[in-house]
N, C-alpha and C. Protein backbone atom coordinates (compact mmCIF):
# COMPACT_ATOMS: atom_id res chain seq x y z
N MET A 1 84.47 106.52 87.60
CA MET A 1 84.81 106.38 89.16
C MET A 1 84.01 107.62 89.86
N LEU A 2 83.18 107.26 90.38
CA LEU A 2 82.63 108.17 91.06
C LEU A 2 83.27 109.71 91.89
N GLU A 3 84.27 108.40 92.53
CA GLU A 3 85.30 109.70 92.88
C GLU A 3 85.54 110.62 91.95
N ARG A 4 86.47 110.74 91.33
CA ARG A 4 86.93 111.21 90.07
C ARG A 4 85.67 112.91 89.93
N GLN A 5 84.56 112.62 89.25
CA GLN A 5 83.60 113.36 89.22
C GLN A 5 82.88 114.29 90.37
N ALA A 6 83.19 114.17 92.10
CA ALA A 6 82.84 113.87 93.21
C ALA A 6 83.56 116.07 93.29
N THR A 7 82.24 116.61 93.56
CA THR A 7 82.78 118.04 94.40
C THR A 7 83.22 117.92 95.40
N GLN A 8 82.74 117.03 96.34
CA GLN A 8 83.28 117.06 98.07
C GLN A 8 83.15 115.54 98.07
N VAL A 9 84.43 114.93 99.18
CA VAL A 9 84.52 113.77 99.16
C VAL A 9 84.53 114.14 101.25
N ARG A 10 83.53 113.05 101.54
CA ARG A 10 83.35 113.04 103.46
C ARG A 10 84.06 112.08 103.33
N GLU A 11 84.90 111.61 104.57
CA GLU A 11 85.36 110.18 104.69
C GLU A 11 85.89 110.17 106.06
N TYR A 12 85.37 109.15 106.85
CA TYR A 12 85.10 108.69 108.22
C TYR A 12 86.37 107.65 108.47
N GLN A 13 87.28 107.16 109.02
CA GLN A 13 88.31 105.97 109.08
C GLN A 13 88.36 106.27 110.29
N PRO A 14 88.37 104.67 111.16
CA PRO A 14 88.77 104.10 112.16
C PRO A 14 89.77 103.53 112.37
N LEU A 15 90.58 102.93 111.22
CA LEU A 15 91.30 102.00 111.06
C LEU A 15 92.73 102.40 110.66
N MET A 16 92.82 103.42 110.01
CA MET A 16 93.80 103.86 109.35
C MET A 16 93.59 104.66 108.22
N VAL A 17 95.20 105.30 107.74
CA VAL A 17 94.58 106.41 107.25
C VAL A 17 94.12 105.91 106.13
N PRO A 18 93.04 107.03 105.45
CA PRO A 18 92.60 107.19 104.38
C PRO A 18 93.33 107.03 103.13
N GLY A 19 92.76 106.26 102.24
CA GLY A 19 93.86 105.41 101.04
C GLY A 19 94.00 106.87 100.32
N LEU A 20 93.04 107.73 100.20
CA LEU A 20 93.53 109.07 99.67
C LEU A 20 94.67 109.75 99.99
N LEU A 21 95.12 109.78 101.04
CA LEU A 21 96.00 110.70 102.05
C LEU A 21 97.59 109.51 101.73
N GLN A 22 97.30 108.09 102.14
CA GLN A 22 98.55 107.61 102.53
C GLN A 22 99.81 107.80 101.43
N THR A 23 100.80 107.36 102.01
CA THR A 23 102.08 107.63 101.49
C THR A 23 102.20 106.12 100.73
N GLU A 24 103.70 106.60 100.02
CA GLU A 24 103.68 105.06 99.15
C GLU A 24 104.04 103.89 99.84
N ASP A 25 105.08 104.38 101.01
CA ASP A 25 105.49 103.15 101.88
C ASP A 25 104.28 102.62 102.60
N TYR A 26 103.27 103.68 103.12
CA TYR A 26 102.56 103.21 104.10
C TYR A 26 101.50 102.07 103.37
N ALA A 27 100.72 102.89 102.37
CA ALA A 27 100.49 101.93 101.33
C ALA A 27 101.02 100.58 100.98
N ARG A 28 101.75 100.56 100.67
CA ARG A 28 102.53 99.24 100.16
C ARG A 28 102.71 98.11 101.58
N THR A 29 103.03 98.70 102.59
CA THR A 29 102.82 97.93 103.94
C THR A 29 101.48 97.43 103.83
N LEU A 30 100.71 98.20 104.08
CA LEU A 30 98.71 97.51 104.09
C LEU A 30 98.82 96.51 103.34
N LEU A 31 99.05 96.97 102.04
CA LEU A 31 98.63 96.02 100.55
C LEU A 31 99.65 94.86 100.98
N ARG A 32 101.03 94.53 101.39
CA ARG A 32 101.33 93.30 101.48
C ARG A 32 100.83 93.06 102.73
N GLN A 33 100.08 93.30 103.69
CA GLN A 33 99.73 92.80 104.87
C GLN A 33 98.07 92.48 104.07
N SER A 34 97.69 92.42 103.45
CA SER A 34 96.54 92.10 102.95
C SER A 34 96.29 90.56 102.48
N VAL A 35 95.76 89.78 102.83
CA VAL A 35 95.35 88.68 102.33
C VAL A 35 94.64 88.33 100.82
N SER A 36 94.52 89.74 100.39
CA SER A 36 93.50 89.10 98.78
C SER A 36 94.86 89.52 98.15
N VAL A 37 96.20 90.14 98.61
CA VAL A 37 96.80 90.58 97.20
C VAL A 37 98.40 89.26 97.29
N ASP A 38 98.17 88.68 96.15
CA ASP A 38 98.88 87.42 96.19
C ASP A 38 100.55 87.80 95.61
N ASP A 39 100.77 89.00 95.11
CA ASP A 39 102.60 89.12 94.55
C ASP A 39 102.76 90.42 94.38
N GLU A 40 103.81 90.77 94.51
CA GLU A 40 104.59 92.32 94.43
C GLU A 40 103.74 93.00 93.53
N GLU A 41 104.06 92.28 92.46
CA GLU A 41 103.55 93.35 91.07
C GLU A 41 102.35 93.86 90.93
N GLU A 42 101.18 93.17 91.64
CA GLU A 42 100.29 93.58 92.40
C GLU A 42 100.25 94.15 93.54
N VAL A 43 100.57 94.71 94.53
CA VAL A 43 100.82 95.21 95.31
C VAL A 43 101.62 96.67 94.89
N GLU A 44 102.73 97.08 93.98
CA GLU A 44 102.76 98.21 93.18
C GLU A 44 101.96 98.62 92.10
N ARG A 45 101.29 97.78 91.62
CA ARG A 45 100.33 98.11 90.88
C ARG A 45 98.86 99.09 91.58
N LEU A 46 98.82 98.25 92.54
CA LEU A 46 97.64 99.38 93.38
C LEU A 46 98.16 100.30 94.53
N VAL A 47 99.56 100.53 94.45
CA VAL A 47 99.81 101.14 95.41
C VAL A 47 99.96 102.58 94.31
N GLN A 48 100.36 102.28 93.02
CA GLN A 48 100.42 103.32 91.98
C GLN A 48 99.19 103.92 91.84
N ALA A 49 98.08 102.98 91.56
CA ALA A 49 96.82 103.45 91.60
C ALA A 49 96.44 104.48 92.72
N ARG A 50 96.69 103.73 94.29
CA ARG A 50 96.19 104.84 95.04
C ARG A 50 96.87 105.87 95.32
N MET A 51 97.92 105.94 94.88
CA MET A 51 98.75 107.62 94.45
C MET A 51 98.39 108.28 93.48
N GLU A 52 97.59 108.45 92.96
CA GLU A 52 97.11 108.52 91.34
C GLU A 52 95.79 108.84 91.52
N ARG A 53 95.42 108.37 92.53
CA ARG A 53 93.62 108.95 93.00
C ARG A 53 93.78 110.39 93.67
N TYR A 54 94.52 110.49 94.42
CA TYR A 54 94.51 112.02 95.09
C TYR A 54 94.88 112.96 93.96
N GLU A 55 95.93 112.67 93.05
CA GLU A 55 96.22 114.21 92.12
C GLU A 55 95.08 114.01 91.06
N ALA A 56 94.18 112.74 90.82
CA ALA A 56 93.09 112.95 90.21
C ALA A 56 91.98 114.17 90.51
N LEU A 57 92.08 114.02 91.56
CA LEU A 57 91.01 114.90 92.27
C LEU A 57 91.35 116.27 92.54
N PRO A 58 91.97 117.49 91.52
CA PRO A 58 92.45 118.85 92.08
C PRO A 58 91.72 119.73 92.80
N ARG A 59 90.60 119.66 92.42
CA ARG A 59 89.02 120.62 92.58
C ARG A 59 88.25 119.92 93.67
N THR A 60 88.32 118.90 94.17
CA THR A 60 87.21 118.24 95.12
C THR A 60 88.06 118.60 96.29
N LEU A 61 86.91 119.23 97.29
CA LEU A 61 86.54 118.87 98.51
C LEU A 61 86.86 118.27 99.52
N LEU A 62 87.78 117.88 100.15
CA LEU A 62 88.53 116.73 100.92
C LEU A 62 88.03 117.12 102.45
N THR A 63 87.29 116.13 103.02
CA THR A 63 86.91 116.39 104.15
C THR A 63 87.36 114.98 105.37
N PHE A 64 88.13 114.41 106.12
CA PHE A 64 88.44 113.63 107.00
C PHE A 64 88.01 113.51 108.33
N VAL A 65 88.13 112.53 109.08
CA VAL A 65 87.74 112.58 109.94
C VAL A 65 88.18 111.24 110.43
N VAL A 66 89.03 110.98 111.30
CA VAL A 66 89.82 109.51 111.92
C VAL A 66 89.94 109.66 113.80
N ASP A 67 90.23 108.70 113.65
CA ASP A 67 90.02 108.00 115.42
C ASP A 67 91.87 108.22 115.65
N GLN A 68 91.75 108.62 116.62
CA GLN A 68 93.15 108.55 117.17
C GLN A 68 93.53 107.33 117.46
N PRO A 69 93.47 106.21 117.63
CA PRO A 69 94.08 105.35 117.26
C PRO A 69 95.08 104.87 115.78
N VAL A 70 94.16 105.44 114.92
CA VAL A 70 95.42 105.72 113.41
C VAL A 70 96.08 106.37 113.47
N LEU A 71 96.58 107.14 114.30
CA LEU A 71 97.73 108.02 114.45
C LEU A 71 98.89 107.22 115.46
N GLU A 72 98.44 106.49 116.29
CA GLU A 72 99.12 105.72 117.27
C GLU A 72 99.36 104.51 116.23
N ARG A 73 99.10 103.85 115.59
CA ARG A 73 99.03 102.72 115.37
C ARG A 73 100.07 102.56 114.23
N VAL A 74 101.31 101.68 114.92
CA VAL A 74 102.62 102.07 113.90
C VAL A 74 102.09 100.86 112.62
N VAL A 75 102.10 101.77 111.67
CA VAL A 75 102.09 100.71 110.21
C VAL A 75 103.63 100.63 109.60
N GLY A 76 104.10 99.66 109.85
CA GLY A 76 105.51 99.24 108.77
C GLY A 76 106.47 99.26 110.61
N THR A 77 107.20 100.76 109.74
CA THR A 77 107.79 100.79 110.76
C THR A 77 107.55 102.30 111.49
N ALA A 78 108.66 102.61 112.11
CA ALA A 78 108.34 104.43 112.96
C ALA A 78 109.04 104.92 112.12
N ASP A 79 109.65 104.85 111.16
CA ASP A 79 109.66 105.58 109.86
C ASP A 79 108.97 105.86 109.32
N ILE A 80 108.07 104.90 108.51
CA ILE A 80 107.25 104.96 107.71
C ILE A 80 105.80 105.47 108.14
N MET A 81 105.76 105.52 109.54
CA MET A 81 104.55 106.15 110.14
C MET A 81 104.92 107.44 110.59
N ARG A 82 106.04 108.15 110.43
CA ARG A 82 106.78 109.38 110.56
C ARG A 82 106.27 110.22 109.23
N GLU A 83 106.81 109.58 108.06
CA GLU A 83 106.71 109.99 106.77
C GLU A 83 105.33 110.30 106.66
N GLN A 84 104.13 109.12 106.86
CA GLN A 84 102.96 108.94 107.09
C GLN A 84 102.51 110.29 107.75
N LEU A 85 102.59 110.30 108.89
CA LEU A 85 102.18 111.69 109.65
C LEU A 85 102.38 113.13 108.86
N THR A 86 103.83 112.89 108.29
CA THR A 86 104.30 114.30 108.26
C THR A 86 103.14 114.58 106.46
N ARG A 87 103.05 113.93 106.20
CA ARG A 87 102.48 113.93 104.61
C ARG A 87 100.98 114.43 105.32
N LEU A 88 100.32 113.73 106.68
CA LEU A 88 99.13 114.59 106.68
C LEU A 88 99.02 115.95 106.87
N LEU A 89 99.81 115.92 107.94
CA LEU A 89 100.23 117.67 108.23
C LEU A 89 100.53 118.32 107.24
N GLU A 90 101.39 117.80 106.00
CA GLU A 90 101.37 118.80 104.12
C GLU A 90 100.20 118.64 103.51
N LEU A 91 99.26 117.77 104.09
CA LEU A 91 98.17 117.75 103.56
C LEU A 91 96.91 118.90 103.90
N SER A 92 97.07 118.80 105.17
CA SER A 92 96.31 119.39 106.04
C SER A 92 96.14 120.97 105.78
N ASN A 93 97.60 121.52 105.15
CA ASN A 93 97.52 122.50 105.03
C ASN A 93 97.22 123.39 103.40
N GLN A 94 96.88 122.27 103.05
CA GLN A 94 96.21 122.35 101.64
C GLN A 94 94.38 122.57 101.42
N ARG A 95 94.73 122.10 100.63
CA ARG A 95 92.49 122.05 100.50
C ARG A 95 92.30 120.94 101.20
N VAL A 96 92.78 119.92 101.94
CA VAL A 96 91.94 118.78 102.62
C VAL A 96 92.14 119.28 104.31
N ARG A 97 91.03 118.96 105.16
CA ARG A 97 90.64 119.20 106.50
C ARG A 97 90.58 117.95 106.77
N ILE A 98 91.59 117.61 108.00
CA ILE A 98 91.57 116.56 108.67
C ILE A 98 91.19 116.75 110.29
N THR A 99 90.51 116.31 110.35
CA THR A 99 90.03 116.59 112.17
C THR A 99 90.25 115.19 112.79
N VAL A 100 91.01 114.69 114.21
CA VAL A 100 90.71 113.59 114.72
C VAL A 100 89.81 113.45 116.00
N ILE A 101 89.56 112.41 116.25
CA ILE A 101 88.37 112.38 117.48
C ILE A 101 89.21 111.37 118.55
N PRO A 102 89.47 112.55 119.64
CA PRO A 102 90.28 111.85 120.57
C PRO A 102 89.60 110.58 121.18
N ARG A 103 90.81 109.87 121.62
CA ARG A 103 90.42 108.73 122.67
C ARG A 103 88.93 109.01 123.54
N ASP A 104 89.50 110.33 124.11
CA ASP A 104 88.40 110.41 125.31
C ASP A 104 87.07 111.18 125.07
N ALA A 105 86.73 111.45 123.77
CA ALA A 105 85.44 111.89 123.00
C ALA A 105 84.51 111.09 123.92
N PRO A 106 83.91 112.53 124.61
CA PRO A 106 82.92 111.85 125.92
C PRO A 106 81.48 110.95 124.69
N HIS A 107 81.12 111.78 123.70
CA HIS A 107 79.98 111.37 123.06
C HIS A 107 79.95 110.72 121.82
N ARG A 108 81.37 110.32 121.07
CA ARG A 108 81.69 109.44 119.99
C ARG A 108 80.28 108.29 119.74
N PRO A 109 80.42 108.72 119.00
CA PRO A 109 78.88 107.89 118.18
C PRO A 109 79.63 106.21 117.73
N LEU A 110 78.73 105.15 117.84
CA LEU A 110 79.23 104.11 117.19
C LEU A 110 78.96 103.96 116.11
N VAL A 111 80.55 103.60 115.08
CA VAL A 111 79.96 103.41 113.76
C VAL A 111 80.54 101.89 113.84
N GLY A 112 79.84 101.07 112.66
CA GLY A 112 80.56 100.17 112.77
C GLY A 112 81.98 100.08 111.98
N GLY A 113 82.18 100.76 110.92
CA GLY A 113 83.35 100.99 110.17
C GLY A 113 83.48 102.20 109.70
N SER A 114 84.33 101.89 108.72
CA SER A 114 84.74 103.42 107.39
C SER A 114 83.73 103.42 106.66
N PHE A 115 83.41 104.76 106.31
CA PHE A 115 82.48 104.88 104.78
C PHE A 115 82.64 106.48 104.53
N ARG A 116 82.46 106.57 103.21
CA ARG A 116 82.89 107.81 102.31
C ARG A 116 81.35 108.15 101.70
N ILE A 117 81.23 109.79 101.42
CA ILE A 117 80.37 110.16 101.23
C ILE A 117 80.84 111.31 100.11
N MET A 118 80.68 110.89 98.77
CA MET A 118 80.44 111.57 97.76
C MET A 118 79.43 112.75 97.46
N THR A 119 79.81 113.63 97.41
CA THR A 119 78.82 114.73 96.62
C THR A 119 79.03 115.02 95.09
N LEU A 120 78.12 114.87 94.21
CA LEU A 120 78.34 114.56 92.87
C LEU A 120 78.04 116.09 92.42
N PRO A 121 78.32 116.37 90.59
CA PRO A 121 78.00 117.55 90.54
C PRO A 121 76.44 117.90 90.28
N THR A 122 75.71 117.30 90.50
CA THR A 122 74.66 117.35 90.51
C THR A 122 73.83 117.49 91.60
N GLY A 123 74.36 117.65 92.72
CA GLY A 123 74.18 117.72 93.80
C GLY A 123 73.50 116.93 94.76
N GLY A 124 73.35 115.43 93.92
CA GLY A 124 73.47 114.29 94.54
C GLY A 124 74.62 114.00 95.50
N MET A 125 74.16 112.69 95.98
CA MET A 125 75.35 111.88 97.18
C MET A 125 75.06 110.61 96.87
N VAL A 126 76.34 109.99 96.96
CA VAL A 126 76.20 108.33 96.67
C VAL A 126 77.19 108.48 98.30
N ALA A 127 77.46 107.23 99.07
CA ALA A 127 77.97 106.59 99.50
C ALA A 127 78.76 105.19 99.14
N HIS A 128 80.09 105.23 99.63
CA HIS A 128 80.57 103.89 100.06
C HIS A 128 81.13 103.04 101.91
N SER A 129 80.37 102.20 101.82
CA SER A 129 80.58 101.57 102.56
C SER A 129 81.34 100.55 103.43
N GLU A 130 82.50 100.30 104.17
CA GLU A 130 83.36 99.28 103.75
C GLU A 130 83.19 98.23 104.65
N HIS A 131 83.79 97.17 104.21
CA HIS A 131 83.45 95.74 105.25
C HIS A 131 85.09 94.98 104.60
N PRO A 132 84.90 94.12 105.60
CA PRO A 132 86.23 93.04 105.43
C PRO A 132 86.53 92.62 103.97
N LEU A 133 85.34 92.55 103.24
CA LEU A 133 85.58 92.11 101.76
C LEU A 133 85.08 92.63 100.78
N GLY A 134 85.31 94.35 101.01
CA GLY A 134 85.36 95.01 99.96
C GLY A 134 84.50 96.09 100.56
N GLN A 135 83.01 96.75 99.78
CA GLN A 135 82.46 98.16 100.11
C GLN A 135 81.44 97.65 99.17
N VAL A 136 80.35 98.46 99.77
CA VAL A 136 79.05 98.69 99.28
C VAL A 136 78.81 99.77 98.99
N VAL A 137 78.14 100.12 97.69
CA VAL A 137 77.47 101.59 97.43
C VAL A 137 76.34 101.86 97.84
N VAL A 138 75.89 102.84 98.36
CA VAL A 138 75.31 103.13 98.84
C VAL A 138 74.53 104.52 98.65
N ASN A 139 73.03 104.41 97.26
CA ASN A 139 73.09 105.83 96.81
C ASN A 139 71.12 105.68 97.32
N GLN A 140 70.57 105.02 98.24
CA GLN A 140 69.44 105.23 98.68
C GLN A 140 69.55 106.84 99.25
N ALA A 141 68.85 107.62 99.10
CA ALA A 141 68.85 108.66 99.81
C ALA A 141 68.40 108.72 101.38
N LYS A 142 67.37 108.01 101.87
CA LYS A 142 68.07 107.75 102.99
C LYS A 142 68.67 107.24 103.45
N ASP A 143 69.72 106.30 103.22
CA ASP A 143 70.11 105.83 103.82
C ASP A 143 71.98 106.52 103.61
N VAL A 144 71.57 107.37 102.79
CA VAL A 144 73.13 108.29 102.50
C VAL A 144 72.71 109.50 103.47
N GLY A 145 71.42 109.60 103.49
CA GLY A 145 71.44 110.50 104.86
C GLY A 145 71.79 110.09 106.38
N LYS A 146 71.66 109.05 106.54
CA LYS A 146 71.83 108.28 107.54
C LYS A 146 73.39 108.45 107.46
N LEU A 147 74.29 107.92 107.12
CA LEU A 147 75.52 108.03 106.97
C LEU A 147 76.06 109.75 107.21
N PHE A 148 75.28 110.20 106.74
CA PHE A 148 75.66 111.99 106.39
C PHE A 148 75.41 112.21 107.97
N ARG A 149 74.26 111.81 108.73
CA ARG A 149 74.43 112.36 110.12
C ARG A 149 75.63 111.49 111.07
N TYR A 150 75.77 110.43 110.94
CA TYR A 150 76.92 109.71 111.33
C TYR A 150 78.08 110.63 111.40
N PHE A 151 78.18 111.13 110.18
CA PHE A 151 79.08 111.91 109.88
C PHE A 151 79.73 113.24 110.13
N ASP A 152 78.25 113.79 110.30
CA ASP A 152 77.94 115.21 111.28
C ASP A 152 78.20 114.89 112.62
N ASN A 153 78.02 113.84 112.89
CA ASN A 153 78.03 113.45 114.33
C ASN A 153 79.43 113.37 114.99
N LEU A 154 80.32 112.32 114.49
CA LEU A 154 81.54 112.17 114.19
C LEU A 154 82.56 113.38 114.18
N GLN A 155 82.33 113.76 113.30
CA GLN A 155 82.83 115.00 112.98
C GLN A 155 82.71 116.57 114.51
N SER A 156 82.10 116.36 114.79
CA SER A 156 81.15 117.30 116.45
C SER A 156 82.24 116.57 117.20
N GLU A 157 82.24 115.28 117.60
CA GLU A 157 83.22 115.33 118.69
C GLU A 157 84.77 114.80 118.22
N ALA A 158 85.26 115.55 116.96
CA ALA A 158 86.56 116.15 116.65
C ALA A 158 87.19 117.26 117.00
N LEU A 159 88.34 116.92 117.43
CA LEU A 159 89.39 118.28 117.34
C LEU A 159 89.22 118.92 116.29
N SER A 160 89.70 120.25 116.85
CA SER A 160 89.08 121.24 115.22
C SER A 160 90.49 121.03 115.03
N PRO A 161 90.50 121.37 113.60
CA PRO A 161 91.62 120.92 112.01
C PRO A 161 92.99 121.74 113.08
N THR A 162 93.10 122.91 113.52
CA THR A 162 94.32 123.13 114.34
C THR A 162 94.71 122.65 115.54
N ALA A 163 93.77 121.94 116.08
CA ALA A 163 94.22 121.22 117.54
C ALA A 163 94.28 119.59 116.71
N SER A 164 94.00 119.10 116.01
CA SER A 164 94.07 117.90 115.11
C SER A 164 95.72 117.92 114.60
N ARG A 165 95.64 119.13 113.83
CA ARG A 165 97.12 119.19 113.13
C ARG A 165 98.35 119.35 114.34
N GLU A 166 98.27 119.43 115.47
CA GLU A 166 98.96 119.74 116.59
C GLU A 166 99.10 118.51 117.54
N LEU A 167 97.72 117.22 117.45
CA LEU A 167 98.12 116.27 117.89
C LEU A 167 98.75 115.33 116.50
N ILE A 168 98.46 115.56 115.72
CA ILE A 168 99.30 114.90 114.23
C ILE A 168 100.87 114.89 114.51
N ASP A 169 101.30 116.32 115.08
CA ASP A 169 102.41 116.92 114.97
C ASP A 169 103.13 116.44 116.22
N ARG A 170 102.19 116.01 117.28
CA ARG A 170 102.78 115.31 118.85
C ARG A 170 102.93 114.01 118.30
N MET A 171 102.18 113.45 117.67
CA MET A 171 102.74 111.97 117.23
C MET A 171 103.74 111.79 116.87
N ARG A 172 103.94 112.92 115.33
CA ARG A 172 105.18 112.16 114.96
C ARG A 172 106.29 112.20 115.53
N GLY A 173 106.45 113.47 116.94
CA GLY A 173 107.53 113.62 117.59
C GLY A 173 107.67 112.82 118.68
N VAL A 174 106.57 111.58 119.11
CA VAL A 174 106.52 110.65 119.83
C VAL A 174 107.26 109.48 118.83
N LEU A 175 107.20 109.97 117.93
CA LEU A 175 108.31 108.30 116.74
C LEU A 175 109.89 108.39 116.87
N GLY A 176 109.99 110.40 117.32
CA GLY A 176 111.29 110.39 117.11
C GLY A 176 111.97 111.36 116.18
């Protein structure tokens, strides 16, 4: 898997907490709602695989940009969402950079969906662009460059890491 080889991962997510940052209950809830997952055994296998992904990247620099509605959308219950927001706060104090694009960002670029850009040990980059039926690997330098520019533009509209943590903490407080 390219993700395990990457020295840096940059990800934009407009709809949900990125998989690498999800708690077990948040991931489980999403997977149970998925039309492509048929049984509980499969859900649990996928949850465990998702949890192991983060642990497999101990030295990888991780940078995430999420839209504010990701924090506001309650997945499952308020308790599940509060636990998820707590995890984001914990991770943002380690080697993970999480920034949030506020609802009122004046120049927010329109991007059709989530994507991830991975820098490989060779210095080359490869990307994944997600869609409802899966993902597309993007390895043409020109296309990866476009996604990199999108990411840069999205990041420029996001709050600082400190202001993002404050917003996440406020959202957690709203949940009680």
